[in-house]
PDB file of N, CA and C in Angstrom:
ATOM      1  N   MET A   1     -10.654 -49.597 -52.433  1.00  0.00           N
ATOM      2  CA  MET A   1     -11.825 -49.978 -51.639  1.00  0.00           C
ATOM      3  C   MET A   1     -12.643 -48.712 -51.371  1.00  0.00           C
ATOM      4  N   SER A   2     -13.945 -48.808 -51.558  1.00  0.00           N
ATOM      5  CA  SER A   2     -14.811 -47.644 -51.347  1.00  0.00           C
ATOM      6  C   SER A   2     -14.984 -47.354 -49.863  1.00  0.00           C
ATOM      7  N   THR A   3     -15.413 -46.142 -49.575  1.00  0.00           N
ATOM      8  CA  THR A   3     -15.671 -45.743 -48.192  1.00  0.00           C
ATOM      9  C   THR A   3     -16.741 -46.640 -47.573  1.00  0.00           C
ATOM     10  N   ASP A   4     -17.783 -46.972 -48.341  1.00  0.00           N
ATOM     11  CA  ASP A   4     -18.845 -47.848 -47.846  1.00  0.00           C
ATOM     12  C   ASP A   4     -18.293 -49.230 -47.501  1.00  0.00           C
ATOM     13  N   GLU A   5     -17.432 -49.749 -48.361  1.00  0.00           N
ATOM     14  CA  GLU A   5     -16.822 -51.060 -48.091  1.00  0.00           C
ATOM     15  C   GLU A   5     -15.920 -51.006 -46.864  1.00  0.00           C
ATOM     16  N   GLU A   6     -15.180 -49.925 -46.712  1.00  0.00           N
ATOM     17  CA  GLU A   6     -14.310 -49.761 -45.546  1.00  0.00           C
ATOM     18  C   GLU A   6     -15.136 -49.686 -44.265  1.00  0.00           C
ATOM     19  N   TRP A   7     -16.269 -48.959 -44.319  1.00  0.00           N
ATOM     20  CA  TRP A   7     -17.143 -48.821 -43.156  1.00  0.00           C
ATOM     21  C   TRP A   7     -17.711 -50.179 -42.764  1.00  0.00           C
ATOM     22  N   LYS A   8     -18.160 -50.955 -43.745  1.00  0.00           N
ATOM     23  CA  LYS A   8     -18.686 -52.292 -43.457  1.00  0.00           C
ATOM     24  C   LYS A   8     -17.611 -53.193 -42.860  1.00  0.00           C
ATOM     25  N   LYS A   9     -16.403 -53.101 -43.383  1.00  0.00           N
ATOM     26  CA  LYS A   9     -15.291 -53.899 -42.861  1.00  0.00           C
ATOM     27  C   LYS A   9     -14.969 -53.493 -41.421  1.00  0.00           C
ATOM     28  N   HIS A  10     -15.005 -52.181 -41.143  1.00  0.00           N
ATOM     29  CA  HIS A  10     -14.755 -51.691 -39.793  1.00  0.00           C
ATOM     30  C   HIS A  10     -15.812 -52.215 -38.819  1.00  0.00           C
ATOM     31  N   LYS A  11     -17.090 -52.124 -39.214  1.00  0.00           N
ATOM     32  CA  LYS A  11     -18.161 -52.610 -38.336  1.00  0.00           C
ATOM     33  C   LYS A  11     -18.003 -54.100 -38.072  1.00  0.00           C
ATOM     34  N   LEU A  12     -17.692 -54.861 -39.098  1.00  0.00           N
ATOM     35  CA  LEU A  12     -17.499 -56.301 -38.928  1.00  0.00           C
ATOM     36  C   LEU A  12     -16.357 -56.577 -37.952  1.00  0.00           C
ATOM     37  N   SER A  13     -15.272 -55.829 -38.058  1.00  0.00           N
ATOM     38  CA  SER A  13     -14.151 -56.052 -37.137  1.00  0.00           C
ATOM     39  C   SER A  13     -14.549 -55.694 -35.707  1.00  0.00           C
ATOM     40  N   GLN A  14     -15.355 -54.657 -35.530  1.00  0.00           N
ATOM     41  CA  GLN A  14     -15.816 -54.263 -34.202  1.00  0.00           C
ATOM     42  C   GLN A  14     -16.758 -55.314 -33.596  1.00  0.00           C
ATOM     43  N   LEU A  15     -17.575 -55.921 -34.435  1.00  0.00           N
ATOM     44  CA  LEU A  15     -18.583 -56.872 -33.965  1.00  0.00           C
ATOM     45  C   LEU A  15     -18.086 -58.311 -33.890  1.00  0.00           C
ATOM     46  N   SER A  16     -16.924 -58.589 -34.438  1.00  0.00           N
ATOM     47  CA  SER A  16     -16.458 -59.982 -34.522  1.00  0.00           C
ATOM     48  C   SER A  16     -16.293 -60.639 -33.155  1.00  0.00           C
ATOM     49  N   ARG A  17     -16.053 -59.869 -32.105  1.00  0.00           N
ATOM     50  CA  ARG A  17     -15.897 -60.460 -30.764  1.00  0.00           C
ATOM     51  C   ARG A  17     -17.210 -61.016 -30.215  1.00  0.00           C
ATOM     52  N   PHE A  18     -18.326 -60.708 -30.885  1.00  0.00           N
ATOM     53  CA  PHE A  18     -19.629 -61.209 -30.454  1.00  0.00           C
ATOM     54  C   PHE A  18     -20.073 -62.452 -31.227  1.00  0.00           C
ATOM     55  N   LYS A  19     -19.180 -63.019 -32.023  1.00  0.00           N
ATOM     56  CA  LYS A  19     -19.516 -64.188 -32.836  1.00  0.00           C
ATOM     57  C   LYS A  19     -20.109 -65.297 -31.968  1.00  0.00           C
ATOM     58  N   GLY A  20     -21.320 -65.742 -32.341  1.00  0.00           N
ATOM     59  CA  GLY A  20     -21.999 -66.827 -31.640  1.00  0.00           C
ATOM     60  C   GLY A  20     -22.679 -66.429 -30.343  1.00  0.00           C
ATOM     61  N   LYS A  21     -22.626 -65.162 -29.951  1.00  0.00           N
ATOM     62  CA  LYS A  21     -23.222 -64.718 -28.681  1.00  0.00           C
ATOM     63  C   LYS A  21     -24.744 -64.661 -28.763  1.00  0.00           C
ATOM     64  N   LEU A  22     -25.351 -64.804 -27.599  1.00  0.00           N
ATOM     65  CA  LEU A  22     -26.801 -64.737 -27.456  1.00  0.00           C
ATOM     66  C   LEU A  22     -27.204 -63.310 -27.087  1.00  0.00           C
ATOM     67  N   PHE A  23     -28.142 -62.747 -27.831  1.00  0.00           N
ATOM     68  CA  PHE A  23     -28.625 -61.387 -27.610  1.00  0.00           C
ATOM     69  C   PHE A  23     -30.099 -61.399 -27.234  1.00  0.00           C
ATOM     70  N   GLN A  24     -30.525 -60.312 -26.609  1.00  0.00           N
ATOM     71  CA  GLN A  24     -31.931 -60.091 -26.282  1.00  0.00           C
ATOM     72  C   GLN A  24     -32.369 -58.777 -26.913  1.00  0.00           C
ATOM     73  N   ALA A  25     -33.580 -58.765 -27.461  1.00  0.00           N
ATOM     74  CA  ALA A  25     -34.169 -57.517 -27.950  1.00  0.00           C
ATOM     75  C   ALA A  25     -34.733 -56.794 -26.734  1.00  0.00           C
ATOM     76  N   SER A  26     -34.506 -55.477 -26.654  1.00  0.00           N
ATOM     77  CA  SER A  26     -34.955 -54.750 -25.478  1.00  0.00           C
ATOM     78  C   SER A  26     -35.002 -53.252 -25.746  1.00  0.00           C
ATOM     79  N   ASP A  27     -35.836 -52.576 -24.964  1.00  0.00           N
ATOM     80  CA  ASP A  27     -35.777 -51.127 -24.903  1.00  0.00           C
ATOM     81  C   ASP A  27     -34.558 -50.776 -24.074  1.00  0.00           C
ATOM     82  N   TYR A  28     -33.918 -49.684 -24.407  1.00  0.00           N
ATOM     83  CA  TYR A  28     -32.733 -49.252 -23.668  1.00  0.00           C
ATOM     84  C   TYR A  28     -33.133 -48.659 -22.323  1.00  0.00           C
ATOM     85  N   SER A  29     -32.387 -49.009 -21.290  1.00  0.00           N
ATOM     86  CA  SER A  29     -32.544 -48.355 -19.993  1.00  0.00           C
ATOM     87  C   SER A  29     -31.142 -48.096 -19.445  1.00  0.00           C
ATOM     88  N   ALA A  30     -30.941 -46.893 -18.962  1.00  0.00           N
ATOM     89  CA  ALA A  30     -29.634 -46.506 -18.444  1.00  0.00           C
ATOM     90  C   ALA A  30     -29.296 -47.339 -17.211  1.00  0.00           C
ATOM     91  N   PRO A  31     -28.076 -47.828 -17.105  1.00  0.00           N
ATOM     92  CA  PRO A  31     -27.705 -48.657 -15.959  1.00  0.00           C
ATOM     93  C   PRO A  31     -27.591 -47.889 -14.651  1.00  0.00           C
ATOM     94  N   SER A  32     -27.422 -46.564 -14.712  1.00  0.00           N
ATOM     95  CA  SER A  32     -27.355 -45.745 -13.500  1.00  0.00           C
ATOM     96  C   SER A  32     -27.582 -44.286 -13.881  1.00  0.00           C
ATOM     97  N   THR A  33     -27.748 -43.437 -12.887  1.00  0.00           N
ATOM     98  CA  THR A  33     -27.931 -42.010 -13.168  1.00  0.00           C
ATOM     99  C   THR A  33     -26.634 -41.375 -13.664  1.00  0.00           C
ATOM    100  N   ASP A  34     -25.503 -42.007 -13.374  1.00  0.00           N
ATOM    101  CA  ASP A  34     -24.210 -41.488 -13.818  1.00  0.00           C
ATOM    102  C   ASP A  34     -23.824 -41.978 -15.217  1.00  0.00           C
ATOM    103  N   TRP A  35     -24.594 -42.905 -15.749  1.00  0.00           N
ATOM    104  CA  TRP A  35     -24.268 -43.527 -17.034  1.00  0.00           C
ATOM    105  C   TRP A  35     -25.554 -43.491 -17.840  1.00  0.00           C
ATOM    106  N   ASP A  36     -25.710 -42.479 -18.677  1.00  0.00           N
ATOM    107  CA  ASP A  36     -27.010 -42.243 -19.307  1.00  0.00           C
ATOM    108  C   ASP A  36     -27.130 -42.683 -20.750  1.00  0.00           C
ATOM    109  N   HIS A  37     -26.070 -43.258 -21.343  1.00  0.00           N
ATOM    110  CA  HIS A  37     -26.173 -43.710 -22.728  1.00  0.00           C
ATOM    111  C   HIS A  37     -25.127 -44.790 -23.019  1.00  0.00           C
ATOM    112  N   ASP A  38     -25.330 -45.477 -24.111  1.00  0.00           N
ATOM    113  CA  ASP A  38     -24.389 -46.465 -24.623  1.00  0.00           C
ATOM    114  C   ASP A  38     -24.308 -46.269 -26.131  1.00  0.00           C
ATOM    115  N   HIS A  39     -23.369 -46.983 -26.751  1.00  0.00           N
ATOM    116  CA  HIS A  39     -23.207 -46.882 -28.200  1.00  0.00           C
ATOM    117  C   HIS A  39     -23.277 -48.265 -28.831  1.00  0.00           C
ATOM    118  N   CYS A  40     -23.767 -48.314 -30.059  1.00  0.00           N
ATOM    119  CA  CYS A  40     -23.766 -49.561 -30.821  1.00  0.00           C
ATOM    120  C   CYS A  40     -22.317 -49.992 -30.991  1.00  0.00           C
ATOM    121  N   GLU A  41     -22.060 -51.251 -30.718  1.00  0.00           N
ATOM    122  CA  GLU A  41     -20.708 -51.791 -30.827  1.00  0.00           C
ATOM    123  C   GLU A  41     -20.212 -51.823 -32.265  1.00  0.00           C
ATOM    124  N   GLY A  42     -21.135 -51.722 -33.220  1.00  0.00           N
ATOM    125  CA  GLY A  42     -20.739 -51.729 -34.627  1.00  0.00           C
ATOM    126  C   GLY A  42     -20.573 -50.346 -35.211  1.00  0.00           C
ATOM    127  N   CYS A  43     -21.645 -49.568 -35.210  1.00  0.00           N
ATOM    128  CA  CYS A  43     -21.650 -48.277 -35.902  1.00  0.00           C
ATOM    129  C   CYS A  43     -21.558 -47.071 -34.979  1.00  0.00           C
ATOM    130  N   THR A  44     -21.543 -47.271 -33.688  1.00  0.00           N
ATOM    131  CA  THR A  44     -21.457 -46.244 -32.643  1.00  0.00           C
ATOM    132  C   THR A  44     -22.710 -45.378 -32.504  1.00  0.00           C
ATOM    133  N   ALA A  45     -23.838 -45.806 -33.066  1.00  0.00           N
ATOM    134  CA  ALA A  45     -25.089 -45.073 -32.848  1.00  0.00           C
ATOM    135  C   ALA A  45     -25.336 -44.999 -31.345  1.00  0.00           C
ATOM    136  N   THR A  46     -26.023 -43.940 -30.904  1.00  0.00           N
ATOM    137  CA  THR A  46     -26.242 -43.712 -29.479  1.00  0.00           C
ATOM    138  C   THR A  46     -27.573 -44.283 -29.011  1.00  0.00           C
ATOM    139  N   PHE A  47     -27.525 -45.061 -27.928  1.00  0.00           N
ATOM    140  CA  PHE A  47     -28.706 -45.563 -27.230  1.00  0.00           C
ATOM    141  C   PHE A  47     -28.886 -44.711 -25.982  1.00  0.00           C
ATOM    142  N   ALA A  48     -30.113 -44.258 -25.723  1.00  0.00           N
ATOM    143  CA  ALA A  48     -30.380 -43.478 -24.522  1.00  0.00           C
ATOM    144  C   ALA A  48     -31.877 -43.469 -24.248  1.00  0.00           C
ATOM    145  N   GLU A  49     -32.223 -43.068 -23.034  1.00  0.00           N
ATOM    146  CA  GLU A  49     -33.630 -42.904 -22.682  1.00  0.00           C
ATOM    147  C   GLU A  49     -34.132 -41.519 -23.079  1.00  0.00           C
ATOM    148  N   PHE A  50     -33.227 -40.546 -23.159  1.00  0.00           N
ATOM    149  CA  PHE A  50     -33.633 -39.195 -23.527  1.00  0.00           C
ATOM    150  C   PHE A  50     -33.838 -39.098 -25.036  1.00  0.00           C
ATOM    151  N   ASP A  51     -34.587 -38.097 -25.462  1.00  0.00           N
ATOM    152  CA  ASP A  51     -34.854 -37.891 -26.884  1.00  0.00           C
ATOM    153  C   ASP A  51     -33.818 -36.953 -27.482  1.00  0.00           C
ATOM    154  N   GLY A  52     -33.570 -37.137 -28.744  1.00  0.00           N
ATOM    155  CA  GLY A  52     -32.658 -36.274 -29.470  1.00  0.00           C
ATOM    156  C   GLY A  52     -32.475 -36.802 -30.874  1.00  0.00           C
ATOM    157  N   PRO A  53     -31.840 -36.008 -31.722  1.00  0.00           N
ATOM    158  CA  PRO A  53     -31.619 -36.460 -33.097  1.00  0.00           C
ATOM    159  C   PRO A  53     -30.806 -37.750 -33.128  1.00  0.00           C
ATOM    160  N   GLU A  54     -31.305 -38.712 -33.844  1.00  0.00           N
ATOM    161  CA  GLU A  54     -30.627 -39.998 -34.067  1.00  0.00           C
ATOM    162  C   GLU A  54     -30.380 -40.814 -32.795  1.00  0.00           C
ATOM    163  N   ILE A  55     -31.120 -40.550 -31.718  1.00  0.00           N
ATOM    164  CA  ILE A  55     -31.013 -41.348 -30.497  1.00  0.00           C
ATOM    165  C   ILE A  55     -31.872 -42.599 -30.668  1.00  0.00           C
ATOM    166  N   LEU A  56     -31.288 -43.761 -30.374  1.00  0.00           N
ATOM    167  CA  LEU A  56     -32.021 -45.023 -30.444  1.00  0.00           C
ATOM    168  C   LEU A  56     -32.555 -45.363 -29.059  1.00  0.00           C
ATOM    169  N   HIS A  57     -33.769 -45.939 -29.033  1.00  0.00           N
ATOM    170  CA  HIS A  57     -34.389 -46.289 -27.754  1.00  0.00           C
ATOM    171  C   HIS A  57     -34.535 -47.797 -27.569  1.00  0.00           C
ATOM    172  N   SER A  58     -34.160 -48.562 -28.579  1.00  0.00           N
ATOM    173  CA  SER A  58     -34.220 -50.021 -28.454  1.00  0.00           C
ATOM    174  C   SER A  58     -33.209 -50.644 -29.401  1.00  0.00           C
ATOM    175  N   GLY A  59     -32.887 -51.894 -29.104  1.00  0.00           N
ATOM    176  CA  GLY A  59     -31.928 -52.619 -29.919  1.00  0.00           C
ATOM    177  C   GLY A  59     -31.719 -53.999 -29.342  1.00  0.00           C
ATOM    178  N   TYR A  60     -30.513 -54.514 -29.450  1.00  0.00           N
ATOM    179  CA  TYR A  60     -30.172 -55.844 -28.968  1.00  0.00           C
ATOM    180  C   TYR A  60     -28.972 -55.736 -28.037  1.00  0.00           C
ATOM    181  N   PHE A  61     -28.999 -56.495 -26.945  1.00  0.00           N
ATOM    182  CA  PHE A  61     -27.858 -56.476 -26.028  1.00  0.00           C
ATOM    183  C   PHE A  61     -27.472 -57.878 -25.625  1.00  0.00           C
ATOM    184  N   THR A  62     -26.219 -57.993 -25.199  1.00  0.00           N
ATOM    185  CA  THR A  62     -25.696 -59.203 -24.589  1.00  0.00           C
ATOM    186  C   THR A  62     -24.911 -58.766 -23.360  1.00  0.00           C
ATOM    187  N   ILE A  63     -24.807 -59.641 -22.387  1.00  0.00           N
ATOM    188  CA  ILE A  63     -24.066 -59.332 -21.169  1.00  0.00           C
ATOM    189  C   ILE A  63     -22.621 -59.762 -21.357  1.00  0.00           C
ATOM    190  N   CYS A  64     -21.711 -58.851 -21.071  1.00  0.00           N
ATOM    191  CA  CYS A  64     -20.274 -59.126 -21.163  1.00  0.00           C
ATOM    192  C   CYS A  64     -19.636 -58.853 -19.819  1.00  0.00           C
ATOM    193  N   GLU A  65     -18.750 -59.727 -19.415  1.00  0.00           N
ATOM    194  CA  GLU A  65     -18.014 -59.489 -18.178  1.00  0.00           C
ATOM    195  C   GLU A  65     -17.056 -58.330 -18.388  1.00  0.00           C
ATOM    196  N   SER A  66     -16.863 -57.557 -17.350  1.00  0.00           N
ATOM    197  CA  SER A  66     -15.987 -56.393 -17.446  1.00  0.00           C
ATOM    198  C   SER A  66     -14.518 -56.772 -17.525  1.00  0.00           C
ATOM    199  N   GLY A  67     -14.183 -57.948 -17.048  1.00  0.00           N
ATOM    200  CA  GLY A  67     -12.788 -58.374 -17.046  1.00  0.00           C
ATOM    201  C   GLY A  67     -11.984 -57.821 -15.889  1.00  0.00           C
ATOM    202  N   ILE A  68     -12.666 -57.198 -14.940  1.00  0.00           N
ATOM    203  CA  ILE A  68     -11.959 -56.642 -13.790  1.00  0.00           C
ATOM    204  C   ILE A  68     -11.603 -57.769 -12.831  1.00  0.00           C
ATOM    205  N   ASP A  69     -10.369 -57.793 -12.404  1.00  0.00           N
ATOM    206  CA  ASP A  69      -9.870 -58.808 -11.480  1.00  0.00           C
ATOM    207  C   ASP A  69     -10.421 -58.540 -10.079  1.00  0.00           C
ATOM    208  N   ASP A  70     -11.077 -59.531  -9.486  1.00  0.00           N
ATOM    209  CA  ASP A  70     -11.648 -59.389  -8.142  1.00  0.00           C
ATOM    210  C   ASP A  70     -10.589 -59.190  -7.064  1.00  0.00           C
ATOM    211  N   SER A  71      -9.353 -59.612  -7.312  1.00  0.00           N
ATOM    212  CA  SER A  71      -8.344 -59.571  -6.269  1.00  0.00           C
ATOM    213  C   SER A  71      -7.920 -58.145  -5.909  1.00  0.00           C
ATOM    214  N   LYS A  72      -8.083 -57.201  -6.814  1.00  0.00           N
ATOM    215  CA  LYS A  72      -7.731 -55.812  -6.537  1.00  0.00           C
ATOM    216  C   LYS A  72      -8.716 -54.911  -7.269  1.00  0.00           C
ATOM    217  N   THR A  73      -9.399 -54.073  -6.520  1.00  0.00           N
ATOM    218  CA  THR A  73     -10.333 -53.141  -7.122  1.00  0.00           C
ATOM    219  C   THR A  73      -9.543 -52.032  -7.815  1.00  0.00           C
ATOM    220  N   PRO A  74      -9.798 -51.814  -9.107  1.00  0.00           N
ATOM    221  CA  PRO A  74      -9.057 -50.772  -9.831  1.00  0.00           C
ATOM    222  C   PRO A  74      -9.257 -49.391  -9.196  1.00  0.00           C
ATOM    223  N   GLU A  75      -8.234 -48.560  -9.318  1.00  0.00           N
ATOM    224  CA  GLU A  75      -8.243 -47.237  -8.697  1.00  0.00           C
ATOM    225  C   GLU A  75      -9.408 -46.377  -9.171  1.00  0.00           C
ATOM    226  N   PHE A  76      -9.748 -46.449 -10.469  1.00  0.00           N
ATOM    227  CA  PHE A  76     -10.829 -45.604 -10.963  1.00  0.00           C
ATOM    228  C   PHE A  76     -12.168 -45.973 -10.325  1.00  0.00           C
ATOM    229  N   ILE A  77     -12.358 -47.246  -9.981  1.00  0.00           N
ATOM    230  CA  ILE A  77     -13.608 -47.662  -9.326  1.00  0.00           C
ATOM    231  C   ILE A  77     -13.606 -47.178  -7.879  1.00  0.00           C
ATOM    232  N   VAL A  78     -12.474 -47.287  -7.200  1.00  0.00           N
ATOM    233  CA  VAL A  78     -12.361 -46.784  -5.828  1.00  0.00           C
ATOM    234  C   VAL A  78     -12.682 -45.290  -5.814  1.00  0.00           C
ATOM    235  N   GLU A  79     -12.114 -44.537  -6.766  1.00  0.00           N
ATOM    236  CA  GLU A  79     -12.355 -43.095  -6.842  1.00  0.00           C
ATOM    237  C   GLU A  79     -13.840 -42.789  -7.074  1.00  0.00           C
ATOM    238  N   MET A  80     -14.469 -43.543  -7.965  1.00  0.00           N
ATOM    239  CA  MET A  80     -15.893 -43.322  -8.237  1.00  0.00           C
ATOM    240  C   MET A  80     -16.722 -43.618  -6.993  1.00  0.00           C
ATOM    241  N   GLN A  81     -16.385 -44.695  -6.282  1.00  0.00           N
ATOM    242  CA  GLN A  81     -17.105 -45.037  -5.059  1.00  0.00           C
ATOM    243  C   GLN A  81     -16.923 -43.951  -4.003  1.00  0.00           C
ATOM    244  N   GLU A  82     -15.714 -43.397  -3.917  1.00  0.00           N
ATOM    245  CA  GLU A  82     -15.453 -42.328  -2.960  1.00  0.00           C
ATOM    246  C   GLU A  82     -16.252 -41.066  -3.287  1.00  0.00           C
ATOM    247  N   GLN A  83     -16.573 -40.884  -4.565  1.00  0.00           N
ATOM    248  CA  GLN A  83     -17.364 -39.731  -4.994  1.00  0.00           C
ATOM    249  C   GLN A  83     -18.859 -39.981  -4.827  1.00  0.00           C
ATOM    250  N   GLY A  84     -19.219 -41.132  -4.296  1.00  0.00           N
ATOM    251  CA  GLY A  84     -20.619 -41.442  -4.045  1.00  0.00           C
ATOM    252  C   GLY A  84     -21.321 -42.211  -5.141  1.00  0.00           C
ATOM    253  N   CYS A  85     -20.600 -42.606  -6.179  1.00  0.00           N
ATOM    254  CA  CYS A  85     -21.200 -43.387  -7.264  1.00  0.00           C
ATOM    255  C   CYS A  85     -21.357 -44.833  -6.809  1.00  0.00           C
ATOM    256  N   GLU A  86     -22.479 -45.424  -7.167  1.00  0.00           N
ATOM    257  CA  GLU A  86     -22.690 -46.835  -6.848  1.00  0.00           C
ATOM    258  C   GLU A  86     -22.061 -47.664  -7.956  1.00  0.00           C
ATOM    259  N   VAL A  87     -20.887 -48.197  -7.693  1.00  0.00           N
ATOM    260  CA  VAL A  87     -20.157 -48.986  -8.667  1.00  0.00           C
ATOM    261  C   VAL A  87     -19.783 -50.308  -8.027  1.00  0.00           C
ATOM    262  N   MET A  88     -20.152 -51.387  -8.678  1.00  0.00           N
ATOM    263  CA  MET A  88     -19.754 -52.701  -8.188  1.00  0.00           C
ATOM    264  C   MET A  88     -18.288 -52.923  -8.532  1.00  0.00           C
ATOM    265  N   ALA A  89     -17.608 -53.709  -7.737  1.00  0.00           N
ATOM    266  CA  ALA A  89     -16.192 -53.980  -7.980  1.00  0.00           C
ATOM    267  C   ALA A  89     -15.978 -54.714  -9.301  1.00  0.00           C
ATOM    268  N   LYS A  90     -16.893 -55.577  -9.674  1.00  0.00           N
ATOM    269  CA  LYS A  90     -16.767 -56.307 -10.940  1.00  0.00           C
ATOM    270  C   LYS A  90     -18.108 -56.260 -11.671  1.00  0.00           C
ATOM    271  N   PRO A  91     -18.412 -55.122 -12.279  1.00  0.00           N
ATOM    272  CA  PRO A  91     -19.701 -55.022 -12.949  1.00  0.00           C
ATOM    273  C   PRO A  91     -19.709 -55.785 -14.267  1.00  0.00           C
ATOM    274  N   ASP A  92     -20.814 -56.423 -14.547  1.00  0.00           N
ATOM    275  CA  ASP A  92     -21.036 -56.969 -15.871  1.00  0.00           C
ATOM    276  C   ASP A  92     -21.810 -55.903 -16.624  1.00  0.00           C
ATOM    277  N   VAL A  93     -21.511 -55.737 -17.876  1.00  0.00           N
ATOM    278  CA  VAL A  93     -22.123 -54.656 -18.629  1.00  0.00           C
ATOM    279  C   VAL A  93     -22.865 -55.196 -19.843  1.00  0.00           C
ATOM    280  N   LYS A  94     -23.869 -54.429 -20.256  1.00  0.00           N
ATOM    281  CA  LYS A  94     -24.590 -54.764 -21.467  1.00  0.00           C
ATOM    282  C   LYS A  94     -23.850 -54.150 -22.648  1.00  0.00           C
ATOM    283  N   SER A  95     -23.614 -54.948 -23.652  1.00  0.00           N
ATOM    284  CA  SER A  95     -23.065 -54.457 -24.907  1.00  0.00           C
ATOM    285  C   SER A  95     -24.222 -54.394 -25.890  1.00  0.00           C
ATOM    286  N   TRP A  96     -24.425 -53.226 -26.494  1.00  0.00           N
ATOM    287  CA  TRP A  96     -25.575 -52.970 -27.356  1.00  0.00           C
ATOM    288  C   TRP A  96     -25.195 -52.984 -28.830  1.00  0.00           C
ATOM    289  N   ILE A  97     -26.109 -53.523 -29.634  1.00  0.00           N
ATOM    290  CA  ILE A  97     -25.996 -53.480 -31.089  1.00  0.00           C
ATOM    291  C   ILE A  97     -27.322 -52.962 -31.636  1.00  0.00           C
ATOM    292  N   CYS A  98     -27.237 -51.996 -32.547  1.00  0.00           N
ATOM    293  CA  CYS A  98     -28.467 -51.440 -33.129  1.00  0.00           C
ATOM    294  C   CYS A  98     -29.129 -52.485 -34.036  1.00  0.00           C
ATOM    295  N   LYS A  99     -30.393 -52.260 -34.317  1.00  0.00           N
ATOM    296  CA  LYS A  99     -31.163 -53.209 -35.130  1.00  0.00           C
ATOM    297  C   LYS A  99     -30.558 -53.370 -36.522  1.00  0.00           C
ATOM    298  N   GLU A 100     -30.068 -52.277 -37.095  1.00  0.00           N
ATOM    299  CA  GLU A 100     -29.492 -52.329 -38.437  1.00  0.00           C
ATOM    300  C   GLU A 100     -28.227 -53.187 -38.474  1.00  0.00           C
ATOM    301  N   CYS A 101     -27.317 -52.954 -37.544  1.00  0.00           N
ATOM    302  CA  CYS A 101     -26.080 -53.751 -37.498  1.00  0.00           C
ATOM    303  C   CYS A 101     -26.380 -55.212 -37.166  1.00  0.00           C
ATOM    304  N   PHE A 102     -27.332 -55.434 -36.252  1.00  0.00           N
ATOM    305  CA  PHE A 102     -27.672 -56.803 -35.880  1.00  0.00           C
ATOM    306  C   PHE A 102     -28.152 -57.574 -37.108  1.00  0.00           C
ATOM    307  N   GLN A 103     -29.057 -56.974 -37.874  1.00  0.00           N
ATOM    308  CA  GLN A 103     -29.580 -57.653 -39.052  1.00  0.00           C
ATOM    309  C   GLN A 103     -28.508 -57.831 -40.126  1.00  0.00           C
ATOM    310  N   GLU A 104     -27.663 -56.815 -40.291  1.00  0.00           N
ATOM    311  CA  GLU A 104     -26.626 -56.876 -41.322  1.00  0.00           C
ATOM    312  C   GLU A 104     -25.579 -57.951 -41.042  1.00  0.00           C
ATOM    313  N   TYR A 105     -25.247 -58.171 -39.768  1.00  0.00           N
ATOM    314  CA  TYR A 105     -24.162 -59.092 -39.419  1.00  0.00           C
ATOM    315  C   TYR A 105     -24.618 -60.350 -38.687  1.00  0.00           C
ATOM    316  N   ARG A 106     -25.905 -60.509 -38.539  1.00  0.00           N
ATOM    317  CA  ARG A 106     -26.445 -61.654 -37.802  1.00  0.00           C
ATOM    318  C   ARG A 106     -25.992 -62.983 -38.389  1.00  0.00           C
ATOM    319  N   ALA A 107     -26.169 -63.175 -39.679  1.00  0.00           N
ATOM    320  CA  ALA A 107     -25.805 -64.450 -40.308  1.00  0.00           C
ATOM    321  C   ALA A 107     -24.290 -64.641 -40.358  1.00  0.00           C
ATOM    322  N   ILE A 108     -23.568 -63.586 -40.698  1.00  0.00           N
ATOM    323  CA  ILE A 108     -22.111 -63.674 -40.833  1.00  0.00           C
ATOM    324  C   ILE A 108     -21.462 -64.074 -39.511  1.00  0.00           C
ATOM    325  N   LEU A 109     -21.971 -63.511 -38.402  1.00  0.00           N
ATOM    326  CA  LEU A 109     -21.361 -63.743 -37.088  1.00  0.00           C
ATOM    327  C   LEU A 109     -22.142 -64.732 -36.224  1.00  0.00           C
ATOM    328  N   ASN A 110     -23.179 -65.320 -36.790  1.00  0.00           N
ATOM    329  CA  ASN A 110     -24.013 -66.265 -36.039  1.00  0.00           C
ATOM    330  C   ASN A 110     -24.496 -65.638 -34.729  1.00  0.00           C
ATOM    331  N   LEU A 111     -24.991 -64.389 -34.814  1.00  0.00           N
ATOM    332  CA  LEU A 111     -25.556 -63.734 -33.638  1.00  0.00           C
ATOM    333  C   LEU A 111     -26.892 -64.393 -33.352  1.00  0.00           C
ATOM    334  N   ARG A 112     -27.053 -64.870 -32.128  1.00  0.00           N
ATOM    335  CA  ARG A 112     -28.270 -65.596 -31.764  1.00  0.00           C
ATOM    336  C   ARG A 112     -29.202 -64.684 -30.997  1.00  0.00           C
ATOM    337  N   LEU A 113     -30.492 -64.891 -31.185  1.00  0.00           N
ATOM    338  CA  LEU A 113     -31.506 -64.075 -30.524  1.00  0.00           C
ATOM    339  C   LEU A 113     -32.309 -64.930 -29.575  1.00  0.00           C
ATOM    340  N   GLU A 114     -32.355 -64.496 -28.299  1.00  0.00           N
ATOM    341  CA  GLU A 114     -33.144 -65.201 -27.287  1.00  0.00           C
ATOM    342  C   GLU A 114     -34.617 -65.085 -27.645  1.00  0.00           C
ATOM    343  N   THR A 115     -35.324 -66.208 -27.551  1.00  0.00           N
ATOM    344  CA  THR A 115     -36.761 -66.183 -27.877  1.00  0.00           C
ATOM    345  C   THR A 115     -37.604 -66.327 -26.637  1.00  0.00           C
TER     346      THR A 115
END
């Protein structure tokens, strides 16, 4: 198997959890001052508001639940809150996919786009 084929297979495996999900096209905005970038869930390209080589400023996102149990706030969140970071006990997060990965895997994974 070629390196290109392996890379495509890897991206597909990374993106498969989004099968059938609804996405929105958007400019990237950092969720907080402590969290200034995200990565494409497929190819790991960087999304950010700042400029730099190969930094993406727009793409597609979907909202994913963090999976944090409300019954007990995890220690790392308590620690962040104690340090003055504004962290919700159960944050929902945006999962980002770059335009290239979205187009490449849209049909295969039935990625839906909000209109």
